[in-house]
Amino acid sequence: MQAKSELKPLLYSAVVFVSLFFIADRAIGYYLKQLYFKQKKGDYYETTYALKHVKEDVLIFGSSRAVRHYDPVILADSLQLSAFNVGKLGNTLLYSDALFSQILTFHKPKMVILDISPIEFAATERARGQKSMMNVLLKYHDLPVIEDKISQLNKRELLLSKLFWTYEFNSSIYTMLVNDQGKSKLDLNKGFSARKGTKISSTEVREDNNDYVEDPLMVQTFENFLTKAKKNNIQVHVIISPTTLNQSKTSVAKIKAITGKFGFDFIDISRRPEFNAVSLYYDQTHLNEAGAAQFSRLVGDILNQPGTVSASNTKETGDDFLKKG
């Protein structure tokens, strides 16, 4: 009896502690959510715009190579269509597919540019991309399409974010607190952010990536992306932008074959001689400001050529145009 009487205060204290923890988590989580969606500039604001408000005719999808390489202002001027860069640093096809699915619930662009890595189908890309995607999209799990995409990849993460409201903001608190909520530059940069200067000394770095393993999910995700575009009659241009990496094993042949199966353009500019200058690169895989401007003008020229899907219904692709050039 004495043991039971001593146990009751412990149980009571545990219940009180759990209750207070739950209430605190809810209160802090609510505050952080309000703070997050009050952001008026920066990465978080751009993500919210892409997921809920984007309205431009041309959308550029991809990872940091999309963000750093495609200037929507230059492309808009060339194509005579409004353009916006919805690429996301550190992400892969997994994010692009989820984002595209969500955008299609409220907007249908006329054209999509999908920047893709030469090793996009690698298992390592899935591991990296899945983690990055969760960090970005858990904050938007109230959107049904996004909730479904997260659930398909990691139900545990989705459950944790619903149980603990602060969980989805673990990696964002510092940025939210210090980010200036002043005037946004979104209307000026359209999601584009180039790097300045150069950190490399050679434009060809050979890499023997013999550990390359193809991940079926990445292949399926790519096909899902193209399927959605086809069903919605959206033009797609799959592009591999310039890089100094010359890898022994890549996804390029399969990317090209799948893109061709859907009747879309596959344009490989990864090793074009026009970009064989150190002065055009920031690092091994990213162009700098000068390189991005040159590249964006080239992409605009290609997409305006009679051989591309955007300009005609002929079977010649943008890749064929490049070979002629």
C-alpha atoms as a PDB file:
ATOM      1  CA  MET A   1       0.000   0.000   0.000  1.00  0.00           C
ATOM      2  CA  GLN A   2       2.812   2.362   0.886  1.00  0.00           C
ATOM      3  CA  ALA A   3       4.478   1.712  -2.471  1.00  0.00           C
ATOM      4  CA  LYS A   4       1.254   2.552  -4.292  1.00  0.00           C
ATOM      5  CA  SER A   5       0.798   5.754  -2.332  1.00  0.00           C
ATOM      6  CA  GLU A   6       4.344   6.818  -3.187  1.00  0.00           C
ATOM      7  CA  LEU A   7       3.756   6.036  -6.868  1.00  0.00           C
ATOM      8  CA  LYS A   8       0.747   8.321  -7.212  1.00  0.00           C
ATOM      9  CA  PRO A   9       2.690  11.603  -6.855  1.00  0.00           C
ATOM     10  CA  LEU A  10       5.182  10.391  -9.462  1.00  0.00           C
ATOM     11  CA  LEU A  11       2.410   9.542 -11.893  1.00  0.00           C
ATOM     12  CA  TYR A  12       0.753  12.873 -11.228  1.00  0.00           C
ATOM     13  CA  SER A  13       4.008  14.724 -11.835  1.00  0.00           C
ATOM     14  CA  ALA A  14       4.573  12.794 -15.069  1.00  0.00           C
ATOM     15  CA  VAL A  15       1.081  13.644 -16.326  1.00  0.00           C
ATOM     16  CA  VAL A  16       1.572  17.315 -15.459  1.00  0.00           C
ATOM     17  CA  PHE A  17       4.972  17.379 -17.174  1.00  0.00           C
ATOM     18  CA  VAL A  18       3.653  15.741 -20.357  1.00  0.00           C
ATOM     19  CA  SER A  19       0.651  18.079 -20.409  1.00  0.00           C
ATOM     20  CA  LEU A  20       2.829  21.160 -20.006  1.00  0.00           C
ATOM     21  CA  PHE A  21       5.222  19.892 -22.674  1.00  0.00           C
ATOM     22  CA  PHE A  22       2.305  19.297 -25.063  1.00  0.00           C
ATOM     23  CA  ILE A  23       0.838  22.748 -24.413  1.00  0.00           C
ATOM     24  CA  ALA A  24       4.243  24.433 -24.816  1.00  0.00           C
ATOM     25  CA  ASP A  25       4.913  22.560 -28.043  1.00  0.00           C
ATOM     26  CA  ARG A  26       1.550  23.646 -29.438  1.00  0.00           C
ATOM     27  CA  ALA A  27       2.024  27.268 -28.394  1.00  0.00           C
ATOM     28  CA  ILE A  28       5.601  27.571 -29.688  1.00  0.00           C
ATOM     29  CA  GLY A  29       4.748  25.636 -32.857  1.00  0.00           C
ATOM     30  CA  TYR A  30       1.822  27.965 -33.566  1.00  0.00           C
ATOM     31  CA  TYR A  31       4.059  31.013 -33.055  1.00  0.00           C
ATOM     32  CA  LEU A  32       6.765  29.616 -35.342  1.00  0.00           C
ATOM     33  CA  LYS A  33       4.224  28.829 -38.054  1.00  0.00           C
ATOM     34  CA  GLN A  34       2.889  32.378 -37.925  1.00  0.00           C
ATOM     35  CA  LEU A  35       6.432  33.730 -38.036  1.00  0.00           C
ATOM     36  CA  TYR A  36       7.351  31.485 -40.971  1.00  0.00           C
ATOM     37  CA  PHE A  37       4.450  32.589 -43.130  1.00  0.00           C
ATOM     38  CA  LYS A  38       5.032  36.253 -42.269  1.00  0.00           C
ATOM     39  CA  GLN A  39       8.408  36.133 -44.020  1.00  0.00           C
ATOM     40  CA  LYS A  40       8.449  38.771 -46.746  1.00  0.00           C
ATOM     41  CA  LYS A  41      11.771  37.964 -48.355  1.00  0.00           C
ATOM     42  CA  GLY A  42      14.319  35.200 -48.689  1.00  0.00           C
ATOM     43  CA  ASP A  43      14.184  31.480 -49.292  1.00  0.00           C
ATOM     44  CA  TYR A  44      11.100  30.710 -47.182  1.00  0.00           C
ATOM     45  CA  TYR A  45       9.064  33.453 -48.823  1.00  0.00           C
ATOM     46  CA  GLU A  46      10.063  32.203 -52.284  1.00  0.00           C
ATOM     47  CA  THR A  47       9.062  28.639 -51.358  1.00  0.00           C
ATOM     48  CA  THR A  48       5.623  29.790 -50.205  1.00  0.00           C
ATOM     49  CA  TYR A  49       5.190  31.749 -53.415  1.00  0.00           C
ATOM     50  CA  ALA A  50       6.100  28.710 -55.510  1.00  0.00           C
ATOM     51  CA  LEU A  51       3.746  26.369 -53.622  1.00  0.00           C
ATOM     52  CA  LYS A  52       0.758  28.696 -53.339  1.00  0.00           C
ATOM     53  CA  HIS A  53       0.901  31.698 -55.639  1.00  0.00           C
ATOM     54  CA  VAL A  54       3.141  31.230 -58.689  1.00  0.00           C
ATOM     55  CA  LYS A  55       1.413  32.354 -61.884  1.00  0.00           C
ATOM     56  CA  GLU A  56       4.104  32.772 -64.539  1.00  0.00           C
ATOM     57  CA  ASP A  57       3.936  31.163 -68.016  1.00  0.00           C
ATOM     58  CA  VAL A  58       7.378  29.528 -67.827  1.00  0.00           C
ATOM     59  CA  LEU A  59       8.570  27.718 -64.700  1.00  0.00           C
ATOM     60  CA  ILE A  60      12.129  26.488 -64.136  1.00  0.00           C
ATOM     61  CA  PHE A  61      12.451  23.403 -61.900  1.00  0.00           C
ATOM     62  CA  GLY A  62      15.563  21.800 -60.471  1.00  0.00           C
ATOM     63  CA  SER A  63      18.174  21.992 -57.734  1.00  0.00           C
ATOM     64  CA  SER A  64      20.833  24.619 -57.044  1.00  0.00           C
ATOM     65  CA  ARG A  65      21.920  24.308 -60.670  1.00  0.00           C
ATOM     66  CA  ALA A  66      18.489  25.610 -61.664  1.00  0.00           C
ATOM     67  CA  VAL A  67      18.579  28.407 -59.090  1.00  0.00           C
ATOM     68  CA  ARG A  68      22.102  29.502 -60.102  1.00  0.00           C
ATOM     69  CA  HIS A  69      21.934  29.028 -63.890  1.00  0.00           C
ATOM     70  CA  TYR A  70      18.557  30.206 -65.229  1.00  0.00           C
ATOM     71  CA  ASP A  71      17.775  33.907 -65.205  1.00  0.00           C
ATOM     72  CA  PRO A  72      13.983  34.249 -65.719  1.00  0.00           C
ATOM     73  CA  VAL A  73      14.336  37.888 -66.757  1.00  0.00           C
ATOM     74  CA  ILE A  74      16.576  36.941 -69.699  1.00  0.00           C
ATOM     75  CA  LEU A  75      14.356  33.979 -70.626  1.00  0.00           C
ATOM     76  CA  ALA A  76      11.180  36.063 -70.412  1.00  0.00           C
ATOM     77  CA  ASP A  77      12.666  38.652 -72.722  1.00  0.00           C
ATOM     78  CA  SER A  78      13.723  35.976 -75.215  1.00  0.00           C
ATOM     79  CA  LEU A  79      10.528  33.908 -75.125  1.00  0.00           C
ATOM     80  CA  GLN A  80       8.120  36.821 -74.677  1.00  0.00           C
ATOM     81  CA  LEU A  81       6.521  34.932 -71.787  1.00  0.00           C
ATOM     82  CA  SER A  82       6.598  35.600 -68.058  1.00  0.00           C
ATOM     83  CA  ALA A  83       9.015  33.297 -66.210  1.00  0.00           C
ATOM     84  CA  PHE A  84       9.879  32.265 -62.664  1.00  0.00           C
ATOM     85  CA  ASN A  85      12.582  30.046 -61.183  1.00  0.00           C
ATOM     86  CA  VAL A  86      11.073  27.577 -58.671  1.00  0.00           C
ATOM     87  CA  GLY A  87      14.307  25.602 -58.270  1.00  0.00           C
ATOM     88  CA  LYS A  88      15.413  24.759 -54.737  1.00  0.00           C
ATOM     89  CA  LEU A  89      18.946  24.545 -53.352  1.00  0.00           C
ATOM     90  CA  GLY A  90      20.005  21.050 -52.303  1.00  0.00           C
ATOM     91  CA  ASN A  91      16.992  19.283 -53.769  1.00  0.00           C
ATOM     92  CA  THR A  92      16.343  16.747 -56.517  1.00  0.00           C
ATOM     93  CA  LEU A  93      13.561  15.346 -58.697  1.00  0.00           C
ATOM     94  CA  LEU A  94      11.664  14.332 -55.561  1.00  0.00           C
ATOM     95  CA  TYR A  95      11.105  17.978 -54.656  1.00  0.00           C
ATOM     96  CA  SER A  96      10.470  19.065 -58.249  1.00  0.00           C
ATOM     97  CA  ASP A  97       7.789  16.413 -58.703  1.00  0.00           C
ATOM     98  CA  ALA A  98       6.047  17.300 -55.432  1.00  0.00           C
ATOM     99  CA  LEU A  99       6.186  21.009 -56.245  1.00  0.00           C
ATOM    100  CA  PHE A 100       4.872  20.473 -59.785  1.00  0.00           C
ATOM    101  CA  SER A 101       1.987  18.356 -58.464  1.00  0.00           C
ATOM    102  CA  GLN A 102       1.017  21.108 -56.022  1.00  0.00           C
ATOM    103  CA  ILE A 103       1.308  23.918 -58.590  1.00  0.00           C
ATOM    104  CA  LEU A 104      -1.023  22.063 -60.951  1.00  0.00           C
ATOM    105  CA  THR A 105      -3.799  22.310 -58.344  1.00  0.00           C
ATOM    106  CA  PHE A 106      -4.058  26.066 -58.990  1.00  0.00           C
ATOM    107  CA  HIS A 107      -1.981  26.967 -62.063  1.00  0.00           C
ATOM    108  CA  LYS A 108      -1.059  25.442 -65.410  1.00  0.00           C
ATOM    109  CA  PRO A 109       2.114  26.942 -66.920  1.00  0.00           C
ATOM    110  CA  LYS A 110       2.596  27.045 -70.669  1.00  0.00           C
ATOM    111  CA  MET A 111       6.149  25.766 -70.474  1.00  0.00           C
ATOM    112  CA  VAL A 112       8.366  23.947 -68.006  1.00  0.00           C
ATOM    113  CA  ILE A 113      12.146  23.805 -67.996  1.00  0.00           C
ATOM    114  CA  LEU A 114      13.455  20.930 -65.889  1.00  0.00           C
ATOM    115  CA  ASP A 115      17.154  21.191 -65.105  1.00  0.00           C
ATOM    116  CA  ILE A 116      18.462  17.750 -64.312  1.00  0.00           C
ATOM    117  CA  SER A 117      21.765  16.402 -63.009  1.00  0.00           C
ATOM    118  CA  PRO A 118      23.822  13.951 -65.104  1.00  0.00           C
ATOM    119  CA  ILE A 119      23.496  11.523 -62.150  1.00  0.00           C
ATOM    120  CA  GLU A 120      19.894  12.382 -61.233  1.00  0.00           C
ATOM    121  CA  PHE A 121      18.807   8.723 -61.036  1.00  0.00           C
ATOM    122  CA  ALA A 122      21.561   7.711 -58.595  1.00  0.00           C
ATOM    123  CA  ALA A 123      20.639   6.180 -55.232  1.00  0.00           C
ATOM    124  CA  THR A 124      22.822   8.809 -53.563  1.00  0.00           C
ATOM    125  CA  GLU A 125      20.643  11.517 -55.117  1.00  0.00           C
ATOM    126  CA  ARG A 126      17.548   9.910 -53.629  1.00  0.00           C
ATOM    127  CA  ALA A 127      19.056   9.843 -50.138  1.00  0.00           C
ATOM    128  CA  ARG A 128      20.211  13.451 -50.367  1.00  0.00           C
ATOM    129  CA  GLY A 129      17.045  14.700 -52.042  1.00  0.00           C
ATOM    130  CA  GLN A 130      14.654  12.950 -49.683  1.00  0.00           C
ATOM    131  CA  LYS A 131      16.216  14.543 -46.616  1.00  0.00           C
ATOM    132  CA  SER A 132      16.259  18.015 -48.203  1.00  0.00           C
ATOM    133  CA  MET A 133      12.689  17.654 -49.421  1.00  0.00           C
ATOM    134  CA  MET A 134      11.446  16.810 -45.912  1.00  0.00           C
ATOM    135  CA  ASN A 135      13.209  19.843 -44.439  1.00  0.00           C
ATOM    136  CA  VAL A 136      11.439  22.112 -46.922  1.00  0.00           C
ATOM    137  CA  LEU A 137       7.986  20.583 -47.345  1.00  0.00           C
ATOM    138  CA  LEU A 138       7.048  19.453 -43.826  1.00  0.00           C
ATOM    139  CA  LYS A 139       6.026  23.054 -43.159  1.00  0.00           C
ATOM    140  CA  TYR A 140       3.401  22.690 -45.900  1.00  0.00           C
ATOM    141  CA  HIS A 141       1.921  19.325 -44.946  1.00  0.00           C
ATOM    142  CA  ASP A 142      -1.480  20.986 -44.573  1.00  0.00           C
ATOM    143  CA  LEU A 143      -1.606  21.002 -48.394  1.00  0.00           C
ATOM    144  CA  PRO A 144      -3.169  17.615 -49.368  1.00  0.00           C
ATOM    145  CA  VAL A 145      -0.873  17.036 -52.354  1.00  0.00           C
ATOM    146  CA  ILE A 146       2.241  17.749 -50.302  1.00  0.00           C
ATOM    147  CA  GLU A 147       1.019  15.594 -47.430  1.00  0.00           C
ATOM    148  CA  ASP A 148       0.545  12.699 -49.844  1.00  0.00           C
ATOM    149  CA  LYS A 149       4.033  13.122 -51.340  1.00  0.00           C
ATOM    150  CA  ILE A 150       5.647  13.192 -47.901  1.00  0.00           C
ATOM    151  CA  SER A 151       3.636  10.187 -46.766  1.00  0.00           C
ATOM    152  CA  GLN A 152       4.806   8.157 -49.751  1.00  0.00           C
ATOM    153  CA  LEU A 153       8.438   8.728 -48.794  1.00  0.00           C
ATOM    154  CA  ASN A 154       8.445   8.855 -45.008  1.00  0.00           C
ATOM    155  CA  LYS A 155       5.280   8.439 -42.934  1.00  0.00           C
ATOM    156  CA  ARG A 156       7.278   8.730 -39.722  1.00  0.00           C
ATOM    157  CA  GLU A 157       8.345  12.315 -40.522  1.00  0.00           C
ATOM    158  CA  LEU A 158       4.765  13.263 -41.332  1.00  0.00           C
ATOM    159  CA  LEU A 159       3.494  11.753 -38.082  1.00  0.00           C
ATOM    160  CA  LEU A 160       6.141  13.539 -36.007  1.00  0.00           C
ATOM    161  CA  SER A 161       5.302  16.890 -37.581  1.00  0.00           C
ATOM    162  CA  LYS A 162       1.627  16.391 -36.749  1.00  0.00           C
ATOM    163  CA  LEU A 163       2.257  15.239 -33.189  1.00  0.00           C
ATOM    164  CA  PHE A 164       4.858  17.882 -32.387  1.00  0.00           C
ATOM    165  CA  TRP A 165       4.179  21.249 -33.963  1.00  0.00           C
ATOM    166  CA  THR A 166       7.719  22.506 -33.393  1.00  0.00           C
ATOM    167  CA  TYR A 167       9.287  19.519 -35.157  1.00  0.00           C
ATOM    168  CA  GLU A 168       8.996  20.869 -38.698  1.00  0.00           C
ATOM    169  CA  PHE A 169      10.778  24.096 -37.714  1.00  0.00           C
ATOM    170  CA  ASN A 170      13.829  22.554 -36.014  1.00  0.00           C
ATOM    171  CA  SER A 171      16.190  23.634 -38.792  1.00  0.00           C
ATOM    172  CA  SER A 172      14.493  26.982 -39.506  1.00  0.00           C
ATOM    173  CA  ILE A 173      14.232  28.851 -36.215  1.00  0.00           C
ATOM    174  CA  TYR A 174      17.461  30.858 -36.443  1.00  0.00           C
ATOM    175  CA  THR A 175      16.839  31.952 -40.034  1.00  0.00           C
ATOM    176  CA  MET A 176      13.279  33.023 -39.249  1.00  0.00           C
ATOM    177  CA  LEU A 177      14.353  35.071 -36.254  1.00  0.00           C
ATOM    178  CA  VAL A 178      17.153  36.963 -38.031  1.00  0.00           C
ATOM    179  CA  ASN A 179      15.612  37.275 -41.488  1.00  0.00           C
ATOM    180  CA  ASP A 180      14.665  40.826 -42.415  1.00  0.00           C
ATOM    181  CA  GLN A 181      10.938  41.016 -43.124  1.00  0.00           C
ATOM    182  CA  GLY A 182      11.391  44.143 -45.215  1.00  0.00           C
ATOM    183  CA  LYS A 183      10.936  44.613 -48.931  1.00  0.00           C
ATOM    184  CA  SER A 184      11.218  41.491 -51.082  1.00  0.00           C
ATOM    185  CA  LYS A 185      13.319  41.267 -54.229  1.00  0.00           C
ATOM    186  CA  LEU A 186      11.091  38.517 -55.620  1.00  0.00           C
ATOM    187  CA  ASP A 187       9.749  40.711 -58.412  1.00  0.00           C
ATOM    188  CA  LEU A 188      13.313  41.478 -59.501  1.00  0.00           C
ATOM    189  CA  ASN A 189      15.146  38.161 -59.271  1.00  0.00           C
ATOM    190  CA  LYS A 190      12.163  35.840 -59.948  1.00  0.00           C
ATOM    191  CA  GLY A 191      13.732  33.088 -57.834  1.00  0.00           C
ATOM    192  CA  PHE A 192      17.136  33.348 -59.545  1.00  0.00           C
ATOM    193  CA  SER A 193      20.297  33.730 -57.448  1.00  0.00           C
ATOM    194  CA  ALA A 194      23.693  33.695 -59.184  1.00  0.00           C
ATOM    195  CA  ARG A 195      27.078  33.395 -57.504  1.00  0.00           C
ATOM    196  CA  LYS A 196      29.903  35.845 -58.169  1.00  0.00           C
ATOM    197  CA  GLY A 197      33.565  35.131 -58.819  1.00  0.00           C
ATOM    198  CA  THR A 198      35.256  31.794 -59.418  1.00  0.00           C
ATOM    199  CA  LYS A 199      36.780  29.127 -57.159  1.00  0.00           C
ATOM    200  CA  ILE A 200      38.113  26.690 -59.749  1.00  0.00           C
ATOM    201  CA  SER A 201      41.214  26.398 -61.929  1.00  0.00           C
ATOM    202  CA  SER A 202      40.020  23.829 -64.495  1.00  0.00           C
ATOM    203  CA  THR A 203      36.853  23.297 -66.518  1.00  0.00           C
ATOM    204  CA  GLU A 204      37.190  19.508 -66.612  1.00  0.00           C
ATOM    205  CA  VAL A 205      37.310  17.353 -63.519  1.00  0.00           C
ATOM    206  CA  ARG A 206      37.205  13.617 -64.174  1.00  0.00           C
ATOM    207  CA  GLU A 207      35.340  11.596 -61.586  1.00  0.00           C
ATOM    208  CA  ASP A 208      35.272   7.798 -61.510  1.00  0.00           C
ATOM    209  CA  ASN A 209      31.964   7.351 -59.710  1.00  0.00           C
ATOM    210  CA  ASN A 210      31.993   3.562 -59.972  1.00  0.00           C
ATOM    211  CA  ASP A 211      29.709   3.340 -56.932  1.00  0.00           C
ATOM    212  CA  TYR A 212      26.844   4.707 -59.058  1.00  0.00           C
ATOM    213  CA  VAL A 213      23.648   2.685 -58.518  1.00  0.00           C
ATOM    214  CA  GLU A 214      20.403   3.550 -60.252  1.00  0.00           C
ATOM    215  CA  ASP A 215      17.388   4.015 -57.976  1.00  0.00           C
ATOM    216  CA  PRO A 216      14.057   2.918 -59.537  1.00  0.00           C
ATOM    217  CA  LEU A 217      12.161   5.530 -57.507  1.00  0.00           C
ATOM    218  CA  MET A 218      14.103   8.356 -59.134  1.00  0.00           C
ATOM    219  CA  VAL A 219      13.352   6.956 -62.596  1.00  0.00           C
ATOM    220  CA  GLN A 220       9.664   6.622 -61.709  1.00  0.00           C
ATOM    221  CA  THR A 221       9.579  10.145 -60.299  1.00  0.00           C
ATOM    222  CA  PHE A 222      10.974  11.514 -63.552  1.00  0.00           C
ATOM    223  CA  GLU A 223       8.331   9.635 -65.543  1.00  0.00           C
ATOM    224  CA  ASN A 224       5.622  10.895 -63.168  1.00  0.00           C
ATOM    225  CA  PHE A 225       6.750  14.481 -63.752  1.00  0.00           C
ATOM    226  CA  LEU A 226       6.624  14.102 -67.529  1.00  0.00           C
ATOM    227  CA  THR A 227       3.303  12.250 -67.383  1.00  0.00           C
ATOM    228  CA  LYS A 228       1.657  15.129 -65.508  1.00  0.00           C
ATOM    229  CA  ALA A 229       3.016  17.613 -68.028  1.00  0.00           C
ATOM    230  CA  LYS A 230       1.773  15.523 -70.954  1.00  0.00           C
ATOM    231  CA  LYS A 231      -1.722  15.181 -69.487  1.00  0.00           C
ATOM    232  CA  ASN A 232      -1.920  18.939 -68.998  1.00  0.00           C
ATOM    233  CA  ASN A 233      -0.525  19.713 -72.458  1.00  0.00           C
ATOM    234  CA  ILE A 234       2.481  21.563 -71.003  1.00  0.00           C
ATOM    235  CA  GLN A 235       5.664  21.901 -73.028  1.00  0.00           C
ATOM    236  CA  VAL A 236       8.700  20.440 -71.265  1.00  0.00           C
ATOM    237  CA  HIS A 237      12.377  20.986 -71.970  1.00  0.00           C
ATOM    238  CA  VAL A 238      14.696  18.699 -70.007  1.00  0.00           C
ATOM    239  CA  ILE A 239      18.104  20.349 -69.812  1.00  0.00           C
ATOM    240  CA  ILE A 240      21.484  19.361 -68.393  1.00  0.00           C
ATOM    241  CA  SER A 241      23.254  22.649 -67.765  1.00  0.00           C
ATOM    242  CA  PRO A 242      27.040  23.194 -67.830  1.00  0.00           C
ATOM    243  CA  THR A 243      29.321  21.441 -65.350  1.00  0.00           C
ATOM    244  CA  THR A 244      33.041  20.805 -65.067  1.00  0.00           C
ATOM    245  CA  LEU A 245      32.475  17.258 -63.794  1.00  0.00           C
ATOM    246  CA  ASN A 246      33.102  14.510 -66.333  1.00  0.00           C
ATOM    247  CA  GLN A 247      31.732  11.428 -64.566  1.00  0.00           C
ATOM    248  CA  SER A 248      32.360   7.847 -65.643  1.00  0.00           C
ATOM    249  CA  LYS A 249      28.811   6.695 -64.924  1.00  0.00           C
ATOM    250  CA  THR A 250      25.698   8.822 -65.459  1.00  0.00           C
ATOM    251  CA  SER A 251      21.933   8.745 -65.956  1.00  0.00           C
ATOM    252  CA  VAL A 252      22.141  10.696 -69.215  1.00  0.00           C
ATOM    253  CA  ALA A 253      21.277   7.910 -71.679  1.00  0.00           C
ATOM    254  CA  LYS A 254      18.197   6.912 -69.705  1.00  0.00           C
ATOM    255  CA  ILE A 255      17.096  10.518 -69.177  1.00  0.00           C
ATOM    256  CA  LYS A 256      17.312  11.084 -72.920  1.00  0.00           C
ATOM    257  CA  ALA A 257      15.408   7.880 -73.753  1.00  0.00           C
ATOM    258  CA  ILE A 258      12.551   8.601 -71.341  1.00  0.00           C
ATOM    259  CA  THR A 259      12.275  12.227 -72.434  1.00  0.00           C
ATOM    260  CA  GLY A 260      12.099  11.133 -76.069  1.00  0.00           C
ATOM    261  CA  LYS A 261       9.394   8.584 -75.235  1.00  0.00           C
ATOM    262  CA  PHE A 262       7.181  11.446 -74.073  1.00  0.00           C
ATOM    263  CA  GLY A 263       7.997  13.572 -77.118  1.00  0.00           C
ATOM    264  CA  PHE A 264       9.731  16.312 -75.150  1.00  0.00           C
ATOM    265  CA  ASP A 265      13.059  18.061 -75.772  1.00  0.00           C
ATOM    266  CA  PHE A 266      16.239  16.735 -74.202  1.00  0.00           C
ATOM    267  CA  ILE A 267      18.995  19.353 -74.365  1.00  0.00           C
ATOM    268  CA  ASP A 268      22.439  18.440 -73.054  1.00  0.00           C
ATOM    269  CA  ILE A 269      24.634  21.508 -72.586  1.00  0.00           C
ATOM    270  CA  SER A 270      26.770  19.948 -69.859  1.00  0.00           C
ATOM    271  CA  ARG A 271      30.006  19.888 -71.855  1.00  0.00           C
ATOM    272  CA  ARG A 272      29.384  22.517 -74.542  1.00  0.00           C
ATOM    273  CA  PRO A 273      32.591  24.261 -75.738  1.00  0.00           C
ATOM    274  CA  GLU A 274      31.000  27.704 -75.187  1.00  0.00           C
ATOM    275  CA  PHE A 275      31.344  27.031 -71.475  1.00  0.00           C
ATOM    276  CA  ASN A 276      34.926  25.835 -71.514  1.00  0.00           C
ATOM    277  CA  ALA A 277      36.227  28.881 -69.651  1.00  0.00           C
ATOM    278  CA  VAL A 278      37.119  29.042 -65.971  1.00  0.00           C
ATOM    279  CA  SER A 279      35.813  32.600 -65.805  1.00  0.00           C
ATOM    280  CA  LEU A 280      32.234  31.338 -66.315  1.00  0.00           C
ATOM    281  CA  TYR A 281      32.177  29.046 -63.264  1.00  0.00           C
ATOM    282  CA  TYR A 282      31.832  29.629 -59.547  1.00  0.00           C
ATOM    283  CA  ASP A 283      32.679  26.040 -58.576  1.00  0.00           C
ATOM    284  CA  GLN A 284      32.788  22.594 -60.192  1.00  0.00           C
ATOM    285  CA  THR A 285      29.034  22.268 -60.688  1.00  0.00           C
ATOM    286  CA  HIS A 286      27.768  25.847 -60.816  1.00  0.00           C
ATOM    287  CA  LEU A 287      28.153  28.741 -63.223  1.00  0.00           C
ATOM    288  CA  ASN A 288      28.774  32.212 -61.847  1.00  0.00           C
ATOM    289  CA  GLU A 289      26.855  35.382 -62.682  1.00  0.00           C
ATOM    290  CA  ALA A 290      28.557  35.847 -66.068  1.00  0.00           C
ATOM    291  CA  GLY A 291      28.168  32.190 -66.970  1.00  0.00           C
ATOM    292  CA  ALA A 292      24.490  32.157 -65.979  1.00  0.00           C
ATOM    293  CA  ALA A 293      23.753  35.178 -68.162  1.00  0.00           C
ATOM    294  CA  GLN A 294      25.476  33.563 -71.158  1.00  0.00           C
ATOM    295  CA  PHE A 295      23.731  30.261 -70.503  1.00  0.00           C
ATOM    296  CA  SER A 296      20.274  31.848 -70.112  1.00  0.00           C
ATOM    297  CA  ARG A 297      20.672  33.666 -73.420  1.00  0.00           C
ATOM    298  CA  LEU A 298      21.689  30.403 -75.106  1.00  0.00           C
ATOM    299  CA  VAL A 299      18.677  28.547 -73.668  1.00  0.00           C
ATOM    300  CA  GLY A 300      16.379  31.327 -74.875  1.00  0.00           C
ATOM    301  CA  ASP A 301      17.875  31.099 -78.370  1.00  0.00           C
ATOM    302  CA  ILE A 302      17.497  27.308 -78.439  1.00  0.00           C
ATOM    303  CA  LEU A 303      13.875  27.357 -77.318  1.00  0.00           C
ATOM    304  CA  ASN A 304      13.074  29.880 -80.029  1.00  0.00           C
ATOM    305  CA  GLN A 305      14.486  27.645 -82.776  1.00  0.00           C
ATOM    306  CA  PRO A 306      12.100  25.816 -85.140  1.00  0.00           C
ATOM    307  CA  GLY A 307      13.499  22.464 -83.949  1.00  0.00           C
ATOM    308  CA  THR A 308      12.178  22.700 -80.389  1.00  0.00           C
ATOM    309  CA  VAL A 309       8.765  21.628 -79.146  1.00  0.00           C
ATOM    310  CA  SER A 310       8.059  25.167 -78.012  1.00  0.00           C
ATOM    311  CA  ALA A 311       8.372  26.530 -81.534  1.00  0.00           C
ATOM    312  CA  SER A 312       7.053  23.740 -83.779  1.00  0.00           C
ATOM    313  CA  ASN A 313       5.757  20.200 -83.971  1.00  0.00           C
ATOM    314  CA  THR A 314       8.734  18.794 -85.863  1.00  0.00           C
ATOM    315  CA  LYS A 315      10.669  15.830 -84.496  1.00  0.00           C
ATOM    316  CA  GLU A 316      13.983  17.660 -84.361  1.00  0.00           C
ATOM    317  CA  THR A 317      14.971  18.489 -80.800  1.00  0.00           C
ATOM    318  CA  GLY A 318      16.917  21.256 -79.136  1.00  0.00           C
ATOM    319  CA  ASP A 319      19.766  18.739 -78.836  1.00  0.00           C
ATOM    320  CA  ASP A 320      19.841  18.424 -82.613  1.00  0.00           C
ATOM    321  CA  PHE A 321      20.023  22.197 -82.889  1.00  0.00           C
ATOM    322  CA  LEU A 322      23.019  22.244 -80.561  1.00  0.00           C
ATOM    323  CA  LYS A 323      24.810  19.659 -82.690  1.00  0.00           C
ATOM    324  CA  LYS A 324      24.311  21.864 -85.740  1.00  0.00           C
ATOM    325  CA  GLY A 325      25.685  24.840 -83.867  1.00  0.00           C
END
